[in-house]
Amino acid sequence: MNLHIMSTIRDIKKPVEQELKIFEKQFNASFKSNIPLLNKVTKYLIRRKGKQMRPIFVMLSAQITGTITNDTYIAANMIELLHTATLIHDDVVDDAHRRRGFLSINALWKNKIAVLVGDFLLSKGLLLALENKAYDLLHIVSDATREMSEGELLQIEKARNLDIEEEVYFEIIKKKTASLIASCCAAGATSAGADKEKIKLMHDIGQHVGVAFQIRDDLFDYQTNNLTGKPNGVDLKEKKLTLPIIYMLNNVDKKRKNSIIKTIRNHHDNRKKVNDIINLVNESGGIKYAEATMNSYVNKAVALLEQFEASDARHSLIKLIQYSIQRKR
């Protein structure tokens, strides 16, 4: 796998380009309601949609393991509705006012409306499965929803105590991030009529990709902010211990470790102290360790994927995996 070649989303989705156009029409139609306020909010959501990587995972997984069917479109819609709902709810939980350069729903319409719109989208996904008797897909997506909630709550609990170890970190990210990408791949394979062994294989591929994806996100916290010229340090401000800093804490003596944890607990909003900790993480090799771990998960995913027959879809999924860790944000 050549990690130096950066593909665009346009290149990646070529094997399923026409199917994604059909999906997009269906997805946009799923937002319609008789409530004018709801239509106003969802119209705003449609205008600021992202790259829709998750439906691409679903479509490519279906092609790799069989044929794209009506259930594949149902799976892609369910997962994208769930993903959109969780982003809205996340912005409320994090009190975030911007996403992808746009004002968030809670910034424009306040928390109450944002939560209710998120609930509406979740219900649309559930109803879509029930109306089409897609019970296997409902099970996969419901499992992902539960795990994402558990992962977020576990992270909040550990941020309070600052007692996270590497094993717990991986438990958190497998639930809060990897579970959704794993469900994309498993749902895609299920919709194509794949057997249980292939569905499990695709689920494992998605989980490995999801872990790598989250480590990539965590590493952004140590990159220089274009506006300030300093590392972002957002996770440290929120007292989230991610892989680079966990590595550093595991490689200092107990006295130093306690001092650093005390600083994070009491001075996480002090820019200078946060920068000092980031410098310590860099000096300890925490960034390199996290990058190496991220690449190991990518390699695991690609190795499993190569068990499937070579095809345009498989090639595109490998490029999508590469893209997920090479993206700039």
C-alpha atoms as a PDB file:
ATOM      1  CA  MET A   1       0.000   0.000   0.000  1.00  0.00           C
ATOM      2  CA  ASN A   2       1.491   3.347  -1.071  1.00  0.00           C
ATOM      3  CA  LEU A   3       0.583   5.893   1.576  1.00  0.00           C
ATOM      4  CA  HIS A   4       2.165   8.679  -0.492  1.00  0.00           C
ATOM      5  CA  ILE A   5      -0.583   8.598  -3.096  1.00  0.00           C
ATOM      6  CA  MET A   6      -3.494  10.791  -2.079  1.00  0.00           C
ATOM      7  CA  SER A   7      -6.768  10.053  -3.867  1.00  0.00           C
ATOM      8  CA  THR A   8      -9.705  12.422  -4.025  1.00  0.00           C
ATOM      9  CA  ILE A   9     -13.207  11.432  -2.989  1.00  0.00           C
ATOM     10  CA  ARG A  10     -14.240  11.840  -6.640  1.00  0.00           C
ATOM     11  CA  ASP A  11     -11.715   9.177  -7.691  1.00  0.00           C
ATOM     12  CA  ILE A  12     -12.627   6.870  -4.825  1.00  0.00           C
ATOM     13  CA  LYS A  13     -16.350   6.772  -5.514  1.00  0.00           C
ATOM     14  CA  LYS A  14     -16.113   6.064  -9.269  1.00  0.00           C
ATOM     15  CA  PRO A  15     -17.166   2.374  -9.028  1.00  0.00           C
ATOM     16  CA  VAL A  16     -20.363   3.412  -7.221  1.00  0.00           C
ATOM     17  CA  GLU A  17     -20.838   6.898  -8.652  1.00  0.00           C
ATOM     18  CA  GLN A  18     -24.277   6.295 -10.176  1.00  0.00           C
ATOM     19  CA  GLU A  19     -25.525   4.435  -7.102  1.00  0.00           C
ATOM     20  CA  LEU A  20     -24.419   7.321  -4.871  1.00  0.00           C
ATOM     21  CA  LYS A  21     -26.480   9.757  -6.983  1.00  0.00           C
ATOM     22  CA  ILE A  22     -29.549   7.583  -6.380  1.00  0.00           C
ATOM     23  CA  PHE A  23     -28.705   7.441  -2.674  1.00  0.00           C
ATOM     24  CA  GLU A  24     -28.369  11.235  -2.475  1.00  0.00           C
ATOM     25  CA  LYS A  25     -31.836  11.785  -3.972  1.00  0.00           C
ATOM     26  CA  GLN A  26     -33.333   9.306  -1.504  1.00  0.00           C
ATOM     27  CA  PHE A  27     -31.434  10.829   1.423  1.00  0.00           C
ATOM     28  CA  ASN A  28     -32.555  14.372   0.625  1.00  0.00           C
ATOM     29  CA  ALA A  29     -36.161  13.164   0.282  1.00  0.00           C
ATOM     30  CA  SER A  30     -36.001  11.490   3.712  1.00  0.00           C
ATOM     31  CA  PHE A  31     -35.743  14.913   5.365  1.00  0.00           C
ATOM     32  CA  LYS A  32     -39.165  16.101   4.190  1.00  0.00           C
ATOM     33  CA  SER A  33     -41.785  16.890   6.817  1.00  0.00           C
ATOM     34  CA  ASN A  34     -45.089  18.732   7.231  1.00  0.00           C
ATOM     35  CA  ILE A  35     -43.481  20.970   9.869  1.00  0.00           C
ATOM     36  CA  PRO A  36     -42.178  24.225   8.297  1.00  0.00           C
ATOM     37  CA  LEU A  37     -39.538  24.796  11.003  1.00  0.00           C
ATOM     38  CA  LEU A  38     -38.203  21.261  10.568  1.00  0.00           C
ATOM     39  CA  ASN A  39     -38.018  21.723   6.798  1.00  0.00           C
ATOM     40  CA  LYS A  40     -36.083  24.958   7.298  1.00  0.00           C
ATOM     41  CA  VAL A  41     -33.510  23.257   9.521  1.00  0.00           C
ATOM     42  CA  THR A  42     -33.139  20.155   7.349  1.00  0.00           C
ATOM     43  CA  LYS A  43     -32.755  22.298   4.211  1.00  0.00           C
ATOM     44  CA  TYR A  44     -29.808  23.951   5.936  1.00  0.00           C
ATOM     45  CA  LEU A  45     -28.401  20.503   6.789  1.00  0.00           C
ATOM     46  CA  ILE A  46     -28.631  19.329   3.162  1.00  0.00           C
ATOM     47  CA  ARG A  47     -26.791  22.440   1.933  1.00  0.00           C
ATOM     48  CA  ARG A  48     -23.841  21.863   4.299  1.00  0.00           C
ATOM     49  CA  LYS A  49     -23.514  18.099   3.889  1.00  0.00           C
ATOM     50  CA  GLY A  50     -20.009  16.641   4.131  1.00  0.00           C
ATOM     51  CA  LYS A  51     -18.138  14.139   1.947  1.00  0.00           C
ATOM     52  CA  GLN A  52     -20.613  11.347   2.799  1.00  0.00           C
ATOM     53  CA  MET A  53     -17.785   8.876   3.334  1.00  0.00           C
ATOM     54  CA  ARG A  54     -20.013   6.445   5.215  1.00  0.00           C
ATOM     55  CA  PRO A  55     -22.423   5.780   2.322  1.00  0.00           C
ATOM     56  CA  ILE A  56     -19.335   5.198   0.153  1.00  0.00           C
ATOM     57  CA  PHE A  57     -18.142   2.577   2.666  1.00  0.00           C
ATOM     58  CA  VAL A  58     -21.595   0.928   2.480  1.00  0.00           C
ATOM     59  CA  MET A  59     -21.732   0.870  -1.346  1.00  0.00           C
ATOM     60  CA  LEU A  60     -18.178  -0.367  -1.854  1.00  0.00           C
ATOM     61  CA  SER A  61     -18.622  -3.070   0.801  1.00  0.00           C
ATOM     62  CA  ALA A  62     -21.751  -4.286  -0.984  1.00  0.00           C
ATOM     63  CA  GLN A  63     -19.951  -4.416  -4.334  1.00  0.00           C
ATOM     64  CA  ILE A  64     -16.962  -6.262  -2.889  1.00  0.00           C
ATOM     65  CA  THR A  65     -19.110  -8.965  -1.285  1.00  0.00           C
ATOM     66  CA  GLY A  66     -21.893  -9.221  -3.873  1.00  0.00           C
ATOM     67  CA  THR A  67     -24.247  -6.852  -5.657  1.00  0.00           C
ATOM     68  CA  ILE A  68     -25.786  -3.515  -4.675  1.00  0.00           C
ATOM     69  CA  THR A  69     -29.487  -4.064  -3.918  1.00  0.00           C
ATOM     70  CA  ASN A  70     -32.398  -1.988  -2.612  1.00  0.00           C
ATOM     71  CA  ASP A  71     -31.267  -2.958   0.895  1.00  0.00           C
ATOM     72  CA  THR A  72     -27.911  -1.298   0.174  1.00  0.00           C
ATOM     73  CA  TYR A  73     -29.669   2.034  -0.336  1.00  0.00           C
ATOM     74  CA  ILE A  74     -31.644   1.461   2.862  1.00  0.00           C
ATOM     75  CA  ALA A  75     -28.414   0.727   4.747  1.00  0.00           C
ATOM     76  CA  ALA A  76     -26.660   3.818   3.367  1.00  0.00           C
ATOM     77  CA  ASN A  77     -29.629   6.034   4.259  1.00  0.00           C
ATOM     78  CA  MET A  78     -29.990   4.584   7.761  1.00  0.00           C
ATOM     79  CA  ILE A  79     -26.318   5.089   8.567  1.00  0.00           C
ATOM     80  CA  GLU A  80     -26.128   8.594   7.144  1.00  0.00           C
ATOM     81  CA  LEU A  81     -29.272   9.588   9.066  1.00  0.00           C
ATOM     82  CA  LEU A  82     -27.731   8.168  12.245  1.00  0.00           C
ATOM     83  CA  HIS A  83     -24.406   9.894  11.561  1.00  0.00           C
ATOM     84  CA  THR A  84     -26.078  13.265  10.913  1.00  0.00           C
ATOM     85  CA  ALA A  85     -28.158  12.932  14.079  1.00  0.00           C
ATOM     86  CA  THR A  86     -25.114  12.124  16.210  1.00  0.00           C
ATOM     87  CA  LEU A  87     -23.200  15.119  14.828  1.00  0.00           C
ATOM     88  CA  ILE A  88     -26.083  17.415  15.799  1.00  0.00           C
ATOM     89  CA  HIS A  89     -26.270  15.902  19.282  1.00  0.00           C
ATOM     90  CA  ASP A  90     -22.460  16.064  19.649  1.00  0.00           C
ATOM     91  CA  ASP A  91     -22.515  19.799  18.939  1.00  0.00           C
ATOM     92  CA  VAL A  92     -25.078  20.267  21.703  1.00  0.00           C
ATOM     93  CA  VAL A  93     -23.066  18.150  24.167  1.00  0.00           C
ATOM     94  CA  ASP A  94     -19.817  19.959  23.289  1.00  0.00           C
ATOM     95  CA  ASP A  95     -21.495  23.389  23.081  1.00  0.00           C
ATOM     96  CA  ALA A  96     -19.872  23.707  19.641  1.00  0.00           C
ATOM     97  CA  HIS A  97     -21.034  26.555  17.433  1.00  0.00           C
ATOM     98  CA  ARG A  98     -19.331  25.609  14.182  1.00  0.00           C
ATOM     99  CA  ARG A  99     -18.943  22.433  12.128  1.00  0.00           C
ATOM    100  CA  ARG A 100     -17.119  22.144   8.792  1.00  0.00           C
ATOM    101  CA  GLY A 101     -16.873  25.934   8.689  1.00  0.00           C
ATOM    102  CA  PHE A 102     -20.647  26.443   9.067  1.00  0.00           C
ATOM    103  CA  LEU A 103     -22.672  27.498  12.077  1.00  0.00           C
ATOM    104  CA  SER A 104     -24.030  24.452  13.923  1.00  0.00           C
ATOM    105  CA  ILE A 105     -27.755  23.772  14.324  1.00  0.00           C
ATOM    106  CA  ASN A 106     -27.641  24.626  18.036  1.00  0.00           C
ATOM    107  CA  ALA A 107     -25.877  27.929  17.261  1.00  0.00           C
ATOM    108  CA  LEU A 108     -28.655  28.954  14.873  1.00  0.00           C
ATOM    109  CA  TRP A 109     -31.740  27.420  16.499  1.00  0.00           C
ATOM    110  CA  LYS A 110     -30.632  26.706  20.112  1.00  0.00           C
ATOM    111  CA  ASN A 111     -30.210  23.375  21.900  1.00  0.00           C
ATOM    112  CA  LYS A 112     -33.853  22.345  22.242  1.00  0.00           C
ATOM    113  CA  ILE A 113     -34.501  22.437  18.501  1.00  0.00           C
ATOM    114  CA  ALA A 114     -31.138  20.813  17.719  1.00  0.00           C
ATOM    115  CA  VAL A 115     -31.853  17.854  20.025  1.00  0.00           C
ATOM    116  CA  LEU A 116     -35.348  17.397  18.570  1.00  0.00           C
ATOM    117  CA  VAL A 117     -34.046  17.530  14.974  1.00  0.00           C
ATOM    118  CA  GLY A 118     -31.449  14.892  15.887  1.00  0.00           C
ATOM    119  CA  ASP A 119     -34.211  12.731  17.382  1.00  0.00           C
ATOM    120  CA  PHE A 120     -36.298  13.189  14.228  1.00  0.00           C
ATOM    121  CA  LEU A 121     -33.433  11.943  12.029  1.00  0.00           C
ATOM    122  CA  LEU A 122     -32.844   8.935  14.292  1.00  0.00           C
ATOM    123  CA  SER A 123     -36.532   8.037  14.085  1.00  0.00           C
ATOM    124  CA  LYS A 124     -36.485   8.342  10.275  1.00  0.00           C
ATOM    125  CA  GLY A 125     -33.652   5.815  10.111  1.00  0.00           C
ATOM    126  CA  LEU A 126     -35.452   3.355  12.372  1.00  0.00           C
ATOM    127  CA  LEU A 127     -38.715   3.718  10.441  1.00  0.00           C
ATOM    128  CA  LEU A 128     -36.930   3.229   7.133  1.00  0.00           C
ATOM    129  CA  ALA A 129     -35.707  -0.176   8.305  1.00  0.00           C
ATOM    130  CA  LEU A 130     -39.086  -1.198   9.759  1.00  0.00           C
ATOM    131  CA  GLU A 131     -41.062  -0.094   6.698  1.00  0.00           C
ATOM    132  CA  ASN A 132     -38.798  -2.223   4.481  1.00  0.00           C
ATOM    133  CA  LYS A 133     -38.580  -5.140   6.948  1.00  0.00           C
ATOM    134  CA  ALA A 134     -34.778  -4.744   6.913  1.00  0.00           C
ATOM    135  CA  TYR A 135     -34.413  -6.253  10.376  1.00  0.00           C
ATOM    136  CA  ASP A 136     -30.801  -7.404   9.956  1.00  0.00           C
ATOM    137  CA  LEU A 137     -29.800  -3.858   9.023  1.00  0.00           C
ATOM    138  CA  LEU A 138     -31.811  -2.468  11.943  1.00  0.00           C
ATOM    139  CA  HIS A 139     -29.884  -4.750  14.304  1.00  0.00           C
ATOM    140  CA  ILE A 140     -26.505  -3.626  12.914  1.00  0.00           C
ATOM    141  CA  VAL A 141     -27.323   0.097  13.078  1.00  0.00           C
ATOM    142  CA  SER A 142     -28.969  -0.164  16.515  1.00  0.00           C
ATOM    143  CA  ASP A 143     -25.857  -1.890  17.869  1.00  0.00           C
ATOM    144  CA  ALA A 144     -23.715   0.950  16.506  1.00  0.00           C
ATOM    145  CA  THR A 145     -25.998   3.564  18.104  1.00  0.00           C
ATOM    146  CA  ARG A 146     -25.733   1.867  21.506  1.00  0.00           C
ATOM    147  CA  GLU A 147     -21.956   1.526  21.274  1.00  0.00           C
ATOM    148  CA  MET A 148     -21.476   5.157  20.222  1.00  0.00           C
ATOM    149  CA  SER A 149     -23.468   6.346  23.247  1.00  0.00           C
ATOM    150  CA  GLU A 150     -21.514   4.038  25.575  1.00  0.00           C
ATOM    151  CA  GLY A 151     -18.211   5.239  24.129  1.00  0.00           C
ATOM    152  CA  GLU A 152     -19.059   8.910  24.655  1.00  0.00           C
ATOM    153  CA  LEU A 153     -20.216   8.294  28.231  1.00  0.00           C
ATOM    154  CA  LEU A 154     -17.098   6.267  29.024  1.00  0.00           C
ATOM    155  CA  GLN A 155     -14.929   9.082  27.665  1.00  0.00           C
ATOM    156  CA  ILE A 156     -16.773  11.651  29.807  1.00  0.00           C
ATOM    157  CA  GLU A 157     -16.331   9.461  32.887  1.00  0.00           C
ATOM    158  CA  LYS A 158     -12.600   9.031  32.258  1.00  0.00           C
ATOM    159  CA  ALA A 159     -12.138  12.766  31.556  1.00  0.00           C
ATOM    160  CA  ARG A 160     -13.451  13.433  35.070  1.00  0.00           C
ATOM    161  CA  ASN A 161     -11.048  11.000  36.719  1.00  0.00           C
ATOM    162  CA  LEU A 162      -8.107  11.316  34.286  1.00  0.00           C
ATOM    163  CA  ASP A 163      -7.303   7.649  34.891  1.00  0.00           C
ATOM    164  CA  ILE A 164      -7.389   6.377  31.321  1.00  0.00           C
ATOM    165  CA  GLU A 165      -4.987   3.652  30.213  1.00  0.00           C
ATOM    166  CA  GLU A 166      -4.259   2.571  26.654  1.00  0.00           C
ATOM    167  CA  GLU A 167      -6.635  -0.408  26.884  1.00  0.00           C
ATOM    168  CA  VAL A 168      -9.512   1.877  27.933  1.00  0.00           C
ATOM    169  CA  TYR A 169      -8.637   4.390  25.204  1.00  0.00           C
ATOM    170  CA  PHE A 170      -9.057   1.700  22.563  1.00  0.00           C
ATOM    171  CA  GLU A 171     -12.317   0.561  24.152  1.00  0.00           C
ATOM    172  CA  ILE A 172     -13.608   4.146  23.908  1.00  0.00           C
ATOM    173  CA  ILE A 173     -12.655   4.724  20.279  1.00  0.00           C
ATOM    174  CA  LYS A 174     -13.858   1.304  19.147  1.00  0.00           C
ATOM    175  CA  LYS A 175     -17.263   2.218  20.528  1.00  0.00           C
ATOM    176  CA  LYS A 176     -17.577   5.924  19.733  1.00  0.00           C
ATOM    177  CA  THR A 177     -15.985   5.980  16.251  1.00  0.00           C
ATOM    178  CA  ALA A 178     -15.051   2.559  14.923  1.00  0.00           C
ATOM    179  CA  SER A 179     -18.494   1.050  15.596  1.00  0.00           C
ATOM    180  CA  LEU A 180     -20.117   3.284  12.970  1.00  0.00           C
ATOM    181  CA  ILE A 181     -17.587   2.539  10.226  1.00  0.00           C
ATOM    182  CA  ALA A 182     -17.737  -1.163  11.146  1.00  0.00           C
ATOM    183  CA  SER A 183     -21.526  -0.989  10.783  1.00  0.00           C
ATOM    184  CA  CYS A 184     -21.137   0.613   7.332  1.00  0.00           C
ATOM    185  CA  CYS A 185     -19.051  -2.299   6.090  1.00  0.00           C
ATOM    186  CA  ALA A 186     -21.171  -4.974   7.800  1.00  0.00           C
ATOM    187  CA  ALA A 187     -24.440  -3.419   6.583  1.00  0.00           C
ATOM    188  CA  GLY A 188     -23.082  -3.161   3.037  1.00  0.00           C
ATOM    189  CA  ALA A 189     -22.125  -6.841   3.044  1.00  0.00           C
ATOM    190  CA  THR A 190     -25.459  -7.829   4.618  1.00  0.00           C
ATOM    191  CA  SER A 191     -27.401  -5.893   1.999  1.00  0.00           C
ATOM    192  CA  ALA A 192     -25.520  -7.733  -0.756  1.00  0.00           C
ATOM    193  CA  GLY A 193     -26.539 -11.125   0.675  1.00  0.00           C
ATOM    194  CA  ALA A 194     -23.063 -12.090   1.914  1.00  0.00           C
ATOM    195  CA  ASP A 195     -22.655 -15.011   4.311  1.00  0.00           C
ATOM    196  CA  LYS A 196     -21.906 -14.541   8.024  1.00  0.00           C
ATOM    197  CA  GLU A 197     -18.174 -15.097   7.571  1.00  0.00           C
ATOM    198  CA  LYS A 198     -17.873 -12.321   4.980  1.00  0.00           C
ATOM    199  CA  ILE A 199     -20.079  -9.975   7.010  1.00  0.00           C
ATOM    200  CA  LYS A 200     -17.823 -10.534  10.037  1.00  0.00           C
ATOM    201  CA  LEU A 201     -14.744  -9.940   7.891  1.00  0.00           C
ATOM    202  CA  MET A 202     -16.144  -6.649   6.575  1.00  0.00           C
ATOM    203  CA  HIS A 203     -17.121  -5.620  10.116  1.00  0.00           C
ATOM    204  CA  ASP A 204     -13.541  -6.227  11.291  1.00  0.00           C
ATOM    205  CA  ILE A 205     -12.154  -4.230   8.358  1.00  0.00           C
ATOM    206  CA  GLY A 206     -14.436  -1.325   9.262  1.00  0.00           C
ATOM    207  CA  GLN A 207     -13.447  -1.494  12.914  1.00  0.00           C
ATOM    208  CA  HIS A 208      -9.734  -1.334  12.084  1.00  0.00           C
ATOM    209  CA  VAL A 209     -10.361   1.627   9.774  1.00  0.00           C
ATOM    210  CA  GLY A 210     -12.452   3.345  12.450  1.00  0.00           C
ATOM    211  CA  VAL A 211      -9.678   3.026  15.046  1.00  0.00           C
ATOM    212  CA  ALA A 212      -7.142   4.484  12.595  1.00  0.00           C
ATOM    213  CA  PHE A 213      -9.619   7.249  11.698  1.00  0.00           C
ATOM    214  CA  GLN A 214      -9.983   8.292  15.355  1.00  0.00           C
ATOM    215  CA  ILE A 215      -6.237   8.239  16.009  1.00  0.00           C
ATOM    216  CA  ARG A 216      -5.886  10.536  12.989  1.00  0.00           C
ATOM    217  CA  ASP A 217      -8.462  12.857  14.584  1.00  0.00           C
ATOM    218  CA  ASP A 218      -6.578  12.790  17.885  1.00  0.00           C
ATOM    219  CA  LEU A 219      -3.327  13.710  16.135  1.00  0.00           C
ATOM    220  CA  PHE A 220      -4.936  16.870  14.716  1.00  0.00           C
ATOM    221  CA  ASP A 221      -4.843  18.224  18.272  1.00  0.00           C
ATOM    222  CA  TYR A 222      -1.056  18.409  18.031  1.00  0.00           C
ATOM    223  CA  GLN A 223      -0.960  20.164  14.661  1.00  0.00           C
ATOM    224  CA  THR A 224      -0.319  23.882  14.343  1.00  0.00           C
ATOM    225  CA  ASN A 225      -3.419  26.057  14.129  1.00  0.00           C
ATOM    226  CA  ASN A 226      -3.193  28.259  11.018  1.00  0.00           C
ATOM    227  CA  LEU A 227      -4.702  31.225  12.879  1.00  0.00           C
ATOM    228  CA  THR A 228      -2.641  31.110  16.075  1.00  0.00           C
ATOM    229  CA  GLY A 229       0.513  29.347  14.897  1.00  0.00           C
ATOM    230  CA  LYS A 230       0.191  27.076  17.941  1.00  0.00           C
ATOM    231  CA  PRO A 231      -1.033  23.491  18.428  1.00  0.00           C
ATOM    232  CA  ASN A 232      -4.794  23.242  18.804  1.00  0.00           C
ATOM    233  CA  GLY A 233      -4.812  21.479  22.188  1.00  0.00           C
ATOM    234  CA  VAL A 234      -8.610  21.180  22.169  1.00  0.00           C
ATOM    235  CA  ASP A 235      -8.641  17.660  23.632  1.00  0.00           C
ATOM    236  CA  LEU A 236      -6.380  18.704  26.499  1.00  0.00           C
ATOM    237  CA  LYS A 237      -8.629  21.690  27.221  1.00  0.00           C
ATOM    238  CA  GLU A 238     -11.509  19.221  27.501  1.00  0.00           C
ATOM    239  CA  LYS A 239      -9.361  16.894  29.654  1.00  0.00           C
ATOM    240  CA  LYS A 240      -9.474  14.107  27.069  1.00  0.00           C
ATOM    241  CA  LEU A 241      -6.461  11.807  27.257  1.00  0.00           C
ATOM    242  CA  THR A 242      -5.689  10.467  23.771  1.00  0.00           C
ATOM    243  CA  LEU A 243      -3.046   8.000  22.574  1.00  0.00           C
ATOM    244  CA  PRO A 244      -0.069  10.411  22.218  1.00  0.00           C
ATOM    245  CA  ILE A 245      -0.371  11.706  25.771  1.00  0.00           C
ATOM    246  CA  ILE A 246      -1.192   8.278  27.225  1.00  0.00           C
ATOM    247  CA  TYR A 247       2.080   7.035  25.712  1.00  0.00           C
ATOM    248  CA  MET A 248       3.961   9.952  27.264  1.00  0.00           C
ATOM    249  CA  LEU A 249       2.395   9.380  30.702  1.00  0.00           C
ATOM    250  CA  ASN A 250       3.317   5.693  30.532  1.00  0.00           C
ATOM    251  CA  ASN A 251       6.952   6.622  29.911  1.00  0.00           C
ATOM    252  CA  VAL A 252       7.637   9.100  32.722  1.00  0.00           C
ATOM    253  CA  ASP A 253       8.204   8.426  36.415  1.00  0.00           C
ATOM    254  CA  LYS A 254       5.271   8.442  38.839  1.00  0.00           C
ATOM    255  CA  LYS A 255       6.074  11.887  40.271  1.00  0.00           C
ATOM    256  CA  ARG A 256       6.207  13.496  36.795  1.00  0.00           C
ATOM    257  CA  LYS A 257       3.052  11.675  35.748  1.00  0.00           C
ATOM    258  CA  ASN A 258       1.113  12.936  38.782  1.00  0.00           C
ATOM    259  CA  SER A 259       2.361  16.480  38.133  1.00  0.00           C
ATOM    260  CA  ILE A 260       1.230  16.399  34.492  1.00  0.00           C
ATOM    261  CA  ILE A 261      -2.195  14.981  35.410  1.00  0.00           C
ATOM    262  CA  LYS A 262      -2.567  17.694  38.063  1.00  0.00           C
ATOM    263  CA  THR A 263      -1.776  20.331  35.430  1.00  0.00           C
ATOM    264  CA  ILE A 264      -4.371  18.893  33.038  1.00  0.00           C
ATOM    265  CA  ARG A 265      -6.967  18.764  35.821  1.00  0.00           C
ATOM    266  CA  ASN A 266      -6.390  22.297  37.160  1.00  0.00           C
ATOM    267  CA  HIS A 267      -4.830  24.279  34.299  1.00  0.00           C
ATOM    268  CA  HIS A 268      -6.349  22.782  31.124  1.00  0.00           C
ATOM    269  CA  ASP A 269      -7.513  26.262  30.062  1.00  0.00           C
ATOM    270  CA  ASN A 270      -4.017  27.783  30.429  1.00  0.00           C
ATOM    271  CA  ARG A 271      -2.598  28.119  26.903  1.00  0.00           C
ATOM    272  CA  LYS A 272       1.058  28.084  27.994  1.00  0.00           C
ATOM    273  CA  LYS A 273       0.687  25.044  30.235  1.00  0.00           C
ATOM    274  CA  VAL A 274      -1.205  23.163  27.519  1.00  0.00           C
ATOM    275  CA  ASN A 275       1.587  23.983  25.031  1.00  0.00           C
ATOM    276  CA  ASP A 276       4.194  22.754  27.533  1.00  0.00           C
ATOM    277  CA  ILE A 277       2.382  19.399  27.779  1.00  0.00           C
ATOM    278  CA  ILE A 278       2.142  19.161  23.983  1.00  0.00           C
ATOM    279  CA  ASN A 279       5.905  19.746  23.769  1.00  0.00           C
ATOM    280  CA  LEU A 280       6.454  16.958  26.306  1.00  0.00           C
ATOM    281  CA  VAL A 281       4.297  14.625  24.213  1.00  0.00           C
ATOM    282  CA  ASN A 282       6.391  15.410  21.130  1.00  0.00           C
ATOM    283  CA  GLU A 283       9.679  14.930  23.003  1.00  0.00           C
ATOM    284  CA  SER A 284       8.513  11.591  24.425  1.00  0.00           C
ATOM    285  CA  GLY A 285       7.813  10.129  20.973  1.00  0.00           C
ATOM    286  CA  GLY A 286       4.063  10.075  21.621  1.00  0.00           C
ATOM    287  CA  ILE A 287       3.207  11.454  18.175  1.00  0.00           C
ATOM    288  CA  LYS A 288       5.374   8.917  16.360  1.00  0.00           C
ATOM    289  CA  TYR A 289       3.937   6.110  18.480  1.00  0.00           C
ATOM    290  CA  ALA A 290       0.362   7.159  17.659  1.00  0.00           C
ATOM    291  CA  GLU A 291       1.174   7.444  13.947  1.00  0.00           C
ATOM    292  CA  ALA A 292       2.787   3.989  13.940  1.00  0.00           C
ATOM    293  CA  THR A 293      -0.242   2.531  15.745  1.00  0.00           C
ATOM    294  CA  MET A 294      -2.606   4.219  13.274  1.00  0.00           C
ATOM    295  CA  ASN A 295      -0.688   2.760  10.320  1.00  0.00           C
ATOM    296  CA  SER A 296      -0.710  -0.707  11.897  1.00  0.00           C
ATOM    297  CA  TYR A 297      -4.531  -0.631  12.012  1.00  0.00           C
ATOM    298  CA  VAL A 298      -4.655   0.499   8.379  1.00  0.00           C
ATOM    299  CA  ASN A 299      -2.378  -2.378   7.415  1.00  0.00           C
ATOM    300  CA  LYS A 300      -4.605  -4.837   9.309  1.00  0.00           C
ATOM    301  CA  ALA A 301      -7.659  -3.547   7.427  1.00  0.00           C
ATOM    302  CA  VAL A 302      -5.964  -3.797   4.026  1.00  0.00           C
ATOM    303  CA  ALA A 303      -4.634  -7.302   4.768  1.00  0.00           C
ATOM    304  CA  LEU A 304      -8.177  -8.505   5.551  1.00  0.00           C
ATOM    305  CA  LEU A 305      -9.565  -6.726   2.494  1.00  0.00           C
ATOM    306  CA  GLU A 306      -7.043  -8.477   0.232  1.00  0.00           C
ATOM    307  CA  GLN A 307      -8.757 -11.774   1.079  1.00  0.00           C
ATOM    308  CA  PHE A 308     -11.505 -10.665  -1.316  1.00  0.00           C
ATOM    309  CA  GLU A 309     -11.175 -10.956  -5.078  1.00  0.00           C
ATOM    310  CA  ALA A 310      -9.468  -8.019  -6.799  1.00  0.00           C
ATOM    311  CA  SER A 311     -11.949  -5.517  -8.266  1.00  0.00           C
ATOM    312  CA  ASP A 312     -12.452  -1.814  -8.863  1.00  0.00           C
ATOM    313  CA  ALA A 313     -14.535  -1.658  -5.688  1.00  0.00           C
ATOM    314  CA  ARG A 314     -11.803  -3.297  -3.593  1.00  0.00           C
ATOM    315  CA  HIS A 315      -9.205  -0.937  -5.052  1.00  0.00           C
ATOM    316  CA  SER A 316     -11.420   2.058  -4.255  1.00  0.00           C
ATOM    317  CA  LEU A 317     -12.028   0.872  -0.699  1.00  0.00           C
ATOM    318  CA  ILE A 318      -8.267   0.621  -0.150  1.00  0.00           C
ATOM    319  CA  LYS A 319      -7.943   4.195  -1.441  1.00  0.00           C
ATOM    320  CA  LEU A 320     -10.771   5.284   0.879  1.00  0.00           C
ATOM    321  CA  ILE A 321      -8.933   3.716   3.820  1.00  0.00           C
ATOM    322  CA  GLN A 322      -5.797   5.636   2.835  1.00  0.00           C
ATOM    323  CA  TYR A 323      -7.828   8.830   2.484  1.00  0.00           C
ATOM    324  CA  SER A 324      -9.291   8.429   5.969  1.00  0.00           C
ATOM    325  CA  ILE A 325      -5.865   8.813   7.577  1.00  0.00           C
ATOM    326  CA  GLN A 326      -4.368  11.283   5.119  1.00  0.00           C
ATOM    327  CA  ARG A 327      -7.178  13.830   5.214  1.00  0.00           C
ATOM    328  CA  LYS A 328      -6.361  17.326   6.460  1.00  0.00           C
ATOM    329  CA  ARG A 329      -9.426  17.443   8.732  1.00  0.00           C
END
